[in-house]
Amino acid sequence: MKKNFKRIAIVALAFVFIILGIVGLVLPFLQGFLFLALGLLLLSFYSPSLRAWMDKHTVRYPKLHEAVLKVESWIVKIIGRP
């Protein structure tokens, strides 16, 4: 039960970040790209196809891939392994 609640909370938070990201792409004072990236990273914990897409597109750019892995490890420290 606790694991299902955690999963629902993380997916809901990911969708909130994605919505904020979409709004932020239009509004100049909200960092849209940052929220989109965070939302996609949270969703990638539960979606293997999204994770594969992210790995495929970030591995070409080693600094970006390293940043994604660093943020992912930071999220895992905060919320634990999903």
PDB file of N, CA and C in Angstrom:
ATOM      1  N   MET A   1       0.815  -1.196   0.000  1.00  0.00           N
ATOM      2  CA  MET A   1       0.000   0.000   0.000  1.00  0.00           C
ATOM      3  C   MET A   1       0.858   1.259   0.000  1.00  0.00           C
ATOM      4  N   LYS A   2       1.905   1.254   0.831  1.00  0.00           N
ATOM      5  CA  LYS A   2       2.787   2.421   0.907  1.00  0.00           C
ATOM      6  C   LYS A   2       3.519   2.641  -0.415  1.00  0.00           C
ATOM      7  N   LYS A   3       3.908   1.540  -1.061  1.00  0.00           N
ATOM      8  CA  LYS A   3       4.621   1.655  -2.330  1.00  0.00           C
ATOM      9  C   LYS A   3       3.705   2.208  -3.423  1.00  0.00           C
ATOM     10  N   ASN A   4       2.435   1.787  -3.428  1.00  0.00           N
ATOM     11  CA  ASN A   4       1.484   2.313  -4.413  1.00  0.00           C
ATOM     12  C   ASN A   4       1.242   3.793  -4.197  1.00  0.00           C
ATOM     13  N   PHE A   5       1.124   4.220  -2.924  1.00  0.00           N
ATOM     14  CA  PHE A   5       0.935   5.628  -2.638  1.00  0.00           C
ATOM     15  C   PHE A   5       2.136   6.442  -3.102  1.00  0.00           C
ATOM     16  N   LYS A   6       3.330   5.916  -2.865  1.00  0.00           N
ATOM     17  CA  LYS A   6       4.550   6.603  -3.283  1.00  0.00           C
ATOM     18  C   LYS A   6       4.597   6.742  -4.803  1.00  0.00           C
ATOM     19  N   ARG A   7       4.209   5.684  -5.494  1.00  0.00           N
ATOM     20  CA  ARG A   7       4.211   5.714  -6.957  1.00  0.00           C
ATOM     21  C   ARG A   7       3.214   6.738  -7.487  1.00  0.00           C
ATOM     22  N   ILE A   8       2.015   6.745  -6.912  1.00  0.00           N
ATOM     23  CA  ILE A   8       0.990   7.703  -7.340  1.00  0.00           C
ATOM     24  C   ILE A   8       1.449   9.129  -7.056  1.00  0.00           C
ATOM     25  N   ALA A   9       2.059   9.344  -5.894  1.00  0.00           N
ATOM     26  CA  ALA A   9       2.523  10.690  -5.539  1.00  0.00           C
ATOM     27  C   ALA A   9       3.621  11.169  -6.483  1.00  0.00           C
ATOM     28  N   ILE A  10       4.546  10.290  -6.839  1.00  0.00           N
ATOM     29  CA  ILE A  10       5.643  10.678  -7.733  1.00  0.00           C
ATOM     30  C   ILE A  10       5.127  10.958  -9.139  1.00  0.00           C
ATOM     31  N   VAL A  11       4.227  10.130  -9.630  1.00  0.00           N
ATOM     32  CA  VAL A  11       3.668  10.350 -10.969  1.00  0.00           C
ATOM     33  C   VAL A  11       2.834  11.627 -10.985  1.00  0.00           C
ATOM     34  N   ALA A  12       2.063  11.880  -9.934  1.00  0.00           N
ATOM     35  CA  ALA A  12       1.271  13.111  -9.868  1.00  0.00           C
ATOM     36  C   ALA A  12       2.191  14.339  -9.827  1.00  0.00           C
ATOM     37  N   LEU A  13       3.255  14.256  -9.037  1.00  0.00           N
ATOM     38  CA  LEU A  13       4.217  15.357  -8.975  1.00  0.00           C
ATOM     39  C   LEU A  13       4.890  15.578 -10.330  1.00  0.00           C
ATOM     40  N   ALA A  14       5.173  14.486 -11.031  1.00  0.00           N
ATOM     41  CA  ALA A  14       5.776  14.598 -12.363  1.00  0.00           C
ATOM     42  C   ALA A  14       4.838  15.328 -13.315  1.00  0.00           C
ATOM     43  N   PHE A  15       3.548  14.988 -13.277  1.00  0.00           N
ATOM     44  CA  PHE A  15       2.597  15.667 -14.153  1.00  0.00           C
ATOM     45  C   PHE A  15       2.432  17.139 -13.777  1.00  0.00           C
ATOM     46  N   VAL A  16       2.493  17.449 -12.486  1.00  0.00           N
ATOM     47  CA  VAL A  16       2.439  18.852 -12.065  1.00  0.00           C
ATOM     48  C   VAL A  16       3.636  19.612 -12.623  1.00  0.00           C
ATOM     49  N   PHE A  17       4.835  19.001 -12.548  1.00  0.00           N
ATOM     50  CA  PHE A  17       6.026  19.643 -13.094  1.00  0.00           C
ATOM     51  C   PHE A  17       5.925  19.818 -14.607  1.00  0.00           C
ATOM     52  N   ILE A  18       5.360  18.841 -15.296  1.00  0.00           N
ATOM     53  CA  ILE A  18       5.214  18.951 -16.747  1.00  0.00           C
ATOM     54  C   ILE A  18       4.237  20.068 -17.103  1.00  0.00           C
ATOM     55  N   ILE A  19       3.138  20.168 -16.366  1.00  0.00           N
ATOM     56  CA  ILE A  19       2.180  21.249 -16.617  1.00  0.00           C
ATOM     57  C   ILE A  19       2.829  22.603 -16.336  1.00  0.00           C
ATOM     58  N   LEU A  20       3.574  22.706 -15.218  1.00  0.00           N
ATOM     59  CA  LEU A  20       4.290  23.951 -14.932  1.00  0.00           C
ATOM     60  C   LEU A  20       5.310  24.269 -16.023  1.00  0.00           C
ATOM     61  N   GLY A  21       5.935  23.235 -16.561  1.00  0.00           N
ATOM     62  CA  GLY A  21       6.895  23.433 -17.643  1.00  0.00           C
ATOM     63  C   GLY A  21       6.252  23.961 -18.898  1.00  0.00           C
ATOM     64  N   ILE A  22       5.090  23.425 -19.233  1.00  0.00           N
ATOM     65  CA  ILE A  22       4.385  23.900 -20.425  1.00  0.00           C
ATOM     66  C   ILE A  22       3.950  25.350 -20.232  1.00  0.00           C
ATOM     67  N   VAL A  23       3.445  25.669 -19.033  1.00  0.00           N
ATOM     68  CA  VAL A  23       3.062  27.053 -18.742  1.00  0.00           C
ATOM     69  C   VAL A  23       4.304  27.942 -18.752  1.00  0.00           C
ATOM     70  N   GLY A  24       5.408  27.413 -18.246  1.00  0.00           N
ATOM     71  CA  GLY A  24       6.636  28.184 -18.184  1.00  0.00           C
ATOM     72  C   GLY A  24       7.258  28.474 -19.534  1.00  0.00           C
ATOM     73  N   LEU A  25       6.921  27.680 -20.530  1.00  0.00           N
ATOM     74  CA  LEU A  25       7.423  27.969 -21.874  1.00  0.00           C
ATOM     75  C   LEU A  25       6.781  29.231 -22.442  1.00  0.00           C
ATOM     76  N   VAL A  26       5.597  29.564 -21.948  1.00  0.00           N
ATOM     77  CA  VAL A  26       4.881  30.745 -22.426  1.00  0.00           C
ATOM     78  C   VAL A  26       5.171  31.963 -21.554  1.00  0.00           C
ATOM     79  N   LEU A  27       5.231  31.748 -20.248  1.00  0.00           N
ATOM     80  CA  LEU A  27       5.451  32.866 -19.322  1.00  0.00           C
ATOM     81  C   LEU A  27       6.941  33.122 -19.143  1.00  0.00           C
ATOM     82  N   PRO A  28       7.349  34.367 -19.179  1.00  0.00           N
ATOM     83  CA  PRO A  28       8.781  34.675 -19.119  1.00  0.00           C
ATOM     84  C   PRO A  28       9.409  34.505 -17.728  1.00  0.00           C
ATOM     85  N   PHE A  29       8.632  34.527 -16.659  1.00  0.00           N
ATOM     86  CA  PHE A  29       9.217  34.471 -15.317  1.00  0.00           C
ATOM     87  C   PHE A  29       9.297  33.062 -14.747  1.00  0.00           C
ATOM     88  N   LEU A  30       8.780  32.065 -15.444  1.00  0.00           N
ATOM     89  CA  LEU A  30       8.795  30.684 -14.983  1.00  0.00           C
ATOM     90  C   LEU A  30       9.742  29.887 -15.873  1.00  0.00           C
ATOM     91  N   GLN A  31      10.631  29.132 -15.274  1.00  0.00           N
ATOM     92  CA  GLN A  31      11.612  28.340 -16.024  1.00  0.00           C
ATOM     93  C   GLN A  31      10.963  27.069 -16.562  1.00  0.00           C
ATOM     94  N   GLY A  32      10.423  27.133 -17.764  1.00  0.00           N
ATOM     95  CA  GLY A  32       9.689  26.026 -18.344  1.00  0.00           C
ATOM     96  C   GLY A  32      10.539  24.801 -18.598  1.00  0.00           C
ATOM     97  N   PHE A  33      11.731  24.994 -19.146  1.00  0.00           N
ATOM     98  CA  PHE A  33      12.583  23.854 -19.485  1.00  0.00           C
ATOM     99  C   PHE A  33      12.978  23.073 -18.238  1.00  0.00           C
ATOM    100  N   LEU A  34      13.268  23.770 -17.170  1.00  0.00           N
ATOM    101  CA  LEU A  34      13.667  23.109 -15.921  1.00  0.00           C
ATOM    102  C   LEU A  34      12.549  22.226 -15.378  1.00  0.00           C
ATOM    103  N   PHE A  35      11.322  22.749 -15.374  1.00  0.00           N
ATOM    104  CA  PHE A  35      10.200  21.963 -14.878  1.00  0.00           C
ATOM    105  C   PHE A  35       9.890  20.779 -15.793  1.00  0.00           C
ATOM    106  N   LEU A  36       9.993  20.979 -17.102  1.00  0.00           N
ATOM    107  CA  LEU A  36       9.775  19.866 -18.032  1.00  0.00           C
ATOM    108  C   LEU A  36      10.805  18.763 -17.815  1.00  0.00           C
ATOM    109  N   ALA A  37      12.058  19.148 -17.674  1.00  0.00           N
ATOM    110  CA  ALA A  37      13.116  18.156 -17.478  1.00  0.00           C
ATOM    111  C   ALA A  37      12.911  17.392 -16.171  1.00  0.00           C
ATOM    112  N   LEU A  38      12.552  18.088 -15.114  1.00  0.00           N
ATOM    113  CA  LEU A  38      12.322  17.439 -13.830  1.00  0.00           C
ATOM    114  C   LEU A  38      11.121  16.494 -13.895  1.00  0.00           C
ATOM    115  N   GLY A  39      10.061  16.927 -14.547  1.00  0.00           N
ATOM    116  CA  GLY A  39       8.881  16.081 -14.699  1.00  0.00           C
ATOM    117  C   GLY A  39       9.170  14.825 -15.507  1.00  0.00           C
ATOM    118  N   LEU A  40       9.905  14.978 -16.597  1.00  0.00           N
ATOM    119  CA  LEU A  40      10.261  13.810 -17.409  1.00  0.00           C
ATOM    120  C   LEU A  40      11.186  12.864 -16.661  1.00  0.00           C
ATOM    121  N   LEU A  41      12.094  13.410 -15.870  1.00  0.00           N
ATOM    122  CA  LEU A  41      12.992  12.566 -15.093  1.00  0.00           C
ATOM    123  C   LEU A  41      12.222  11.780 -14.041  1.00  0.00           C
ATOM    124  N   LEU A  42      11.256  12.407 -13.395  1.00  0.00           N
ATOM    125  CA  LEU A  42      10.436  11.687 -12.413  1.00  0.00           C
ATOM    126  C   LEU A  42       9.599  10.601 -13.084  1.00  0.00           C
ATOM    127  N   LEU A  43       9.050  10.899 -14.247  1.00  0.00           N
ATOM    128  CA  LEU A  43       8.268   9.884 -14.967  1.00  0.00           C
ATOM    129  C   LEU A  43       9.139   8.738 -15.459  1.00  0.00           C
ATOM    130  N   SER A  44      10.389   9.009 -15.732  1.00  0.00           N
ATOM    131  CA  SER A  44      11.267   7.961 -16.261  1.00  0.00           C
ATOM    132  C   SER A  44      11.560   6.873 -15.230  1.00  0.00           C
ATOM    133  N   PHE A  45      11.303   7.142 -13.960  1.00  0.00           N
ATOM    134  CA  PHE A  45      11.471   6.094 -12.952  1.00  0.00           C
ATOM    135  C   PHE A  45      10.482   4.954 -13.156  1.00  0.00           C
ATOM    136  N   TYR A  46       9.301   5.274 -13.684  1.00  0.00           N
ATOM    137  CA  TYR A  46       8.249   4.273 -13.846  1.00  0.00           C
ATOM    138  C   TYR A  46       7.952   3.912 -15.289  1.00  0.00           C
ATOM    139  N   SER A  47       8.596   4.554 -16.228  1.00  0.00           N
ATOM    140  CA  SER A  47       8.364   4.266 -17.636  1.00  0.00           C
ATOM    141  C   SER A  47       9.680   3.853 -18.301  1.00  0.00           C
ATOM    142  N   PRO A  48       9.861   2.555 -18.528  1.00  0.00           N
ATOM    143  CA  PRO A  48      11.108   2.104 -19.163  1.00  0.00           C
ATOM    144  C   PRO A  48      11.319   2.677 -20.565  1.00  0.00           C
ATOM    145  N   SER A  49      10.230   2.890 -21.309  1.00  0.00           N
ATOM    146  CA  SER A  49      10.395   3.430 -22.659  1.00  0.00           C
ATOM    147  C   SER A  49      10.841   4.894 -22.604  1.00  0.00           C
ATOM    148  N   LEU A  50      10.328   5.656 -21.660  1.00  0.00           N
ATOM    149  CA  LEU A  50      10.772   7.044 -21.503  1.00  0.00           C
ATOM    150  C   LEU A  50      12.216   7.089 -21.042  1.00  0.00           C
ATOM    151  N   ARG A  51      12.594   6.173 -20.163  1.00  0.00           N
ATOM    152  CA  ARG A  51      13.983   6.116 -19.686  1.00  0.00           C
ATOM    153  C   ARG A  51      14.931   5.789 -20.841  1.00  0.00           C
ATOM    154  N   ALA A  52      14.528   4.842 -21.682  1.00  0.00           N
ATOM    155  CA  ALA A  52      15.354   4.484 -22.837  1.00  0.00           C
ATOM    156  C   ALA A  52      15.474   5.664 -23.801  1.00  0.00           C
ATOM    157  N   TRP A  53      14.377   6.402 -24.000  1.00  0.00           N
ATOM    158  CA  TRP A  53      14.408   7.572 -24.870  1.00  0.00           C
ATOM    159  C   TRP A  53      15.353   8.627 -24.314  1.00  0.00           C
ATOM    160  N   MET A  54      15.288   8.856 -22.998  1.00  0.00           N
ATOM    161  CA  MET A  54      16.173   9.850 -22.384  1.00  0.00           C
ATOM    162  C   MET A  54      17.637   9.429 -22.502  1.00  0.00           C
ATOM    163  N   ASP A  55      17.912   8.163 -22.251  1.00  0.00           N
ATOM    164  CA  ASP A  55      19.293   7.685 -22.368  1.00  0.00           C
ATOM    165  C   ASP A  55      19.800   7.805 -23.798  1.00  0.00           C
ATOM    166  N   LYS A  56      18.954   7.450 -24.751  1.00  0.00           N
ATOM    167  CA  LYS A  56      19.347   7.504 -26.166  1.00  0.00           C
ATOM    168  C   LYS A  56      19.674   8.930 -26.598  1.00  0.00           C
ATOM    169  N   HIS A  57      18.898   9.898 -26.123  1.00  0.00           N
ATOM    170  CA  HIS A  57      19.076  11.271 -26.573  1.00  0.00           C
ATOM    171  C   HIS A  57      20.081  12.074 -25.746  1.00  0.00           C
ATOM    172  N   THR A  58      20.397  11.623 -24.543  1.00  0.00           N
ATOM    173  CA  THR A  58      21.374  12.369 -23.751  1.00  0.00           C
ATOM    174  C   THR A  58      22.770  11.777 -23.816  1.00  0.00           C
ATOM    175  N   VAL A  59      22.898  10.531 -24.236  1.00  0.00           N
ATOM    176  CA  VAL A  59      24.222   9.896 -24.261  1.00  0.00           C
ATOM    177  C   VAL A  59      25.124  10.533 -25.326  1.00  0.00           C
ATOM    178  N   ARG A  60      24.526  11.184 -26.317  1.00  0.00           N
ATOM    179  CA  ARG A  60      25.313  11.870 -27.341  1.00  0.00           C
ATOM    180  C   ARG A  60      26.072  13.068 -26.781  1.00  0.00           C
ATOM    181  N   TYR A  61      25.538  13.617 -25.711  1.00  0.00           N
ATOM    182  CA  TYR A  61      26.123  14.798 -25.076  1.00  0.00           C
ATOM    183  C   TYR A  61      26.567  14.408 -23.666  1.00  0.00           C
ATOM    184  N   PRO A  62      27.836  14.075 -23.492  1.00  0.00           N
ATOM    185  CA  PRO A  62      28.302  13.535 -22.212  1.00  0.00           C
ATOM    186  C   PRO A  62      28.040  14.437 -21.003  1.00  0.00           C
ATOM    187  N   LYS A  63      28.172  15.735 -21.155  1.00  0.00           N
ATOM    188  CA  LYS A  63      27.918  16.635 -20.025  1.00  0.00           C
ATOM    189  C   LYS A  63      26.447  16.629 -19.635  1.00  0.00           C
ATOM    190  N   LEU A  64      25.573  16.610 -20.619  1.00  0.00           N
ATOM    191  CA  LEU A  64      24.139  16.558 -20.344  1.00  0.00           C
ATOM    192  C   LEU A  64      23.767  15.230 -19.693  1.00  0.00           C
ATOM    193  N   HIS A  65      24.322  14.139 -20.208  1.00  0.00           N
ATOM    194  CA  HIS A  65      24.045  12.818 -19.644  1.00  0.00           C
ATOM    195  C   HIS A  65      24.544  12.735 -18.200  1.00  0.00           C
ATOM    196  N   GLU A  66      25.698  13.290 -17.950  1.00  0.00           N
ATOM    197  CA  GLU A  66      26.240  13.311 -16.592  1.00  0.00           C
ATOM    198  C   GLU A  66      25.340  14.129 -15.661  1.00  0.00           C
ATOM    199  N   ALA A  67      24.821  15.236 -16.156  1.00  0.00           N
ATOM    200  CA  ALA A  67      23.920  16.070 -15.345  1.00  0.00           C
ATOM    201  C   ALA A  67      22.619  15.325 -15.051  1.00  0.00           C
ATOM    202  N   VAL A  68      22.098  14.606 -16.031  1.00  0.00           N
ATOM    203  CA  VAL A  68      20.872  13.832 -15.825  1.00  0.00           C
ATOM    204  C   VAL A  68      21.105  12.759 -14.764  1.00  0.00           C
ATOM    205  N   LEU A  69      22.219  12.070 -14.843  1.00  0.00           N
ATOM    206  CA  LEU A  69      22.526  11.043 -13.852  1.00  0.00           C
ATOM    207  C   LEU A  69      22.736  11.634 -12.464  1.00  0.00           C
ATOM    208  N   LYS A  70      23.337  12.804 -12.399  1.00  0.00           N
ATOM    209  CA  LYS A  70      23.556  13.468 -11.112  1.00  0.00           C
ATOM    210  C   LYS A  70      22.232  13.891 -10.480  1.00  0.00           C
ATOM    211  N   VAL A  71      21.341  14.451 -11.288  1.00  0.00           N
ATOM    212  CA  VAL A  71      20.032  14.862 -10.768  1.00  0.00           C
ATOM    213  C   VAL A  71      19.225  13.631 -10.364  1.00  0.00           C
ATOM    214  N   GLU A  72      19.341  12.565 -11.135  1.00  0.00           N
ATOM    215  CA  GLU A  72      18.633  11.331 -10.791  1.00  0.00           C
ATOM    216  C   GLU A  72      19.119  10.779  -9.451  1.00  0.00           C
ATOM    217  N   SER A  73      20.413  10.789  -9.217  1.00  0.00           N
ATOM    218  CA  SER A  73      20.927  10.297  -7.935  1.00  0.00           C
ATOM    219  C   SER A  73      20.498  11.208  -6.790  1.00  0.00           C
ATOM    220  N   TRP A  74      20.405  12.508  -7.049  1.00  0.00           N
ATOM    221  CA  TRP A  74      19.941  13.450  -6.037  1.00  0.00           C
ATOM    222  C   TRP A  74      18.473  13.171  -5.680  1.00  0.00           C
ATOM    223  N   ILE A  75      17.646  12.893  -6.697  1.00  0.00           N
ATOM    224  CA  ILE A  75      16.235  12.575  -6.461  1.00  0.00           C
ATOM    225  C   ILE A  75      16.106  11.269  -5.688  1.00  0.00           C
ATOM    226  N   VAL A  76      16.924  10.280  -6.027  1.00  0.00           N
ATOM    227  CA  VAL A  76      16.876   8.995  -5.323  1.00  0.00           C
ATOM    228  C   VAL A  76      17.255   9.165  -3.851  1.00  0.00           C
ATOM    229  N   LYS A  77      18.207  10.051  -3.569  1.00  0.00           N
ATOM    230  CA  LYS A  77      18.565  10.326  -2.174  1.00  0.00           C
ATOM    231  C   LYS A  77      17.383  10.917  -1.410  1.00  0.00           C
ATOM    232  N   ILE A  78      16.603  11.761  -2.073  1.00  0.00           N
ATOM    233  CA  ILE A  78      15.489  12.437  -1.404  1.00  0.00           C
ATOM    234  C   ILE A  78      14.278  11.518  -1.230  1.00  0.00           C
ATOM    235  N   ILE A  79      13.852  10.871  -2.310  1.00  0.00           N
ATOM    236  CA  ILE A  79      12.620  10.093  -2.239  1.00  0.00           C
ATOM    237  C   ILE A  79      12.846   8.599  -2.101  1.00  0.00           C
ATOM    238  N   GLY A  80      14.067   8.156  -2.233  1.00  0.00           N
ATOM    239  CA  GLY A  80      14.332   6.725  -2.181  1.00  0.00           C
ATOM    240  C   GLY A  80      14.145   6.089  -3.541  1.00  0.00           C
ATOM    241  N   ARG A  81      14.555   4.867  -3.655  1.00  0.00           N
ATOM    242  CA  ARG A  81      14.447   4.150  -4.937  1.00  0.00           C
ATOM    243  C   ARG A  81      13.009   3.745  -5.173  1.00  0.00           C
ATOM    244  N   PRO A  82      12.420   4.183  -6.279  1.00  0.00           N
ATOM    245  CA  PRO A  82      11.024   3.816  -6.571  1.00  0.00           C
ATOM    246  C   PRO A  82      10.845   2.378  -6.956  1.00  0.00           C
TER     247      PRO A  82
END
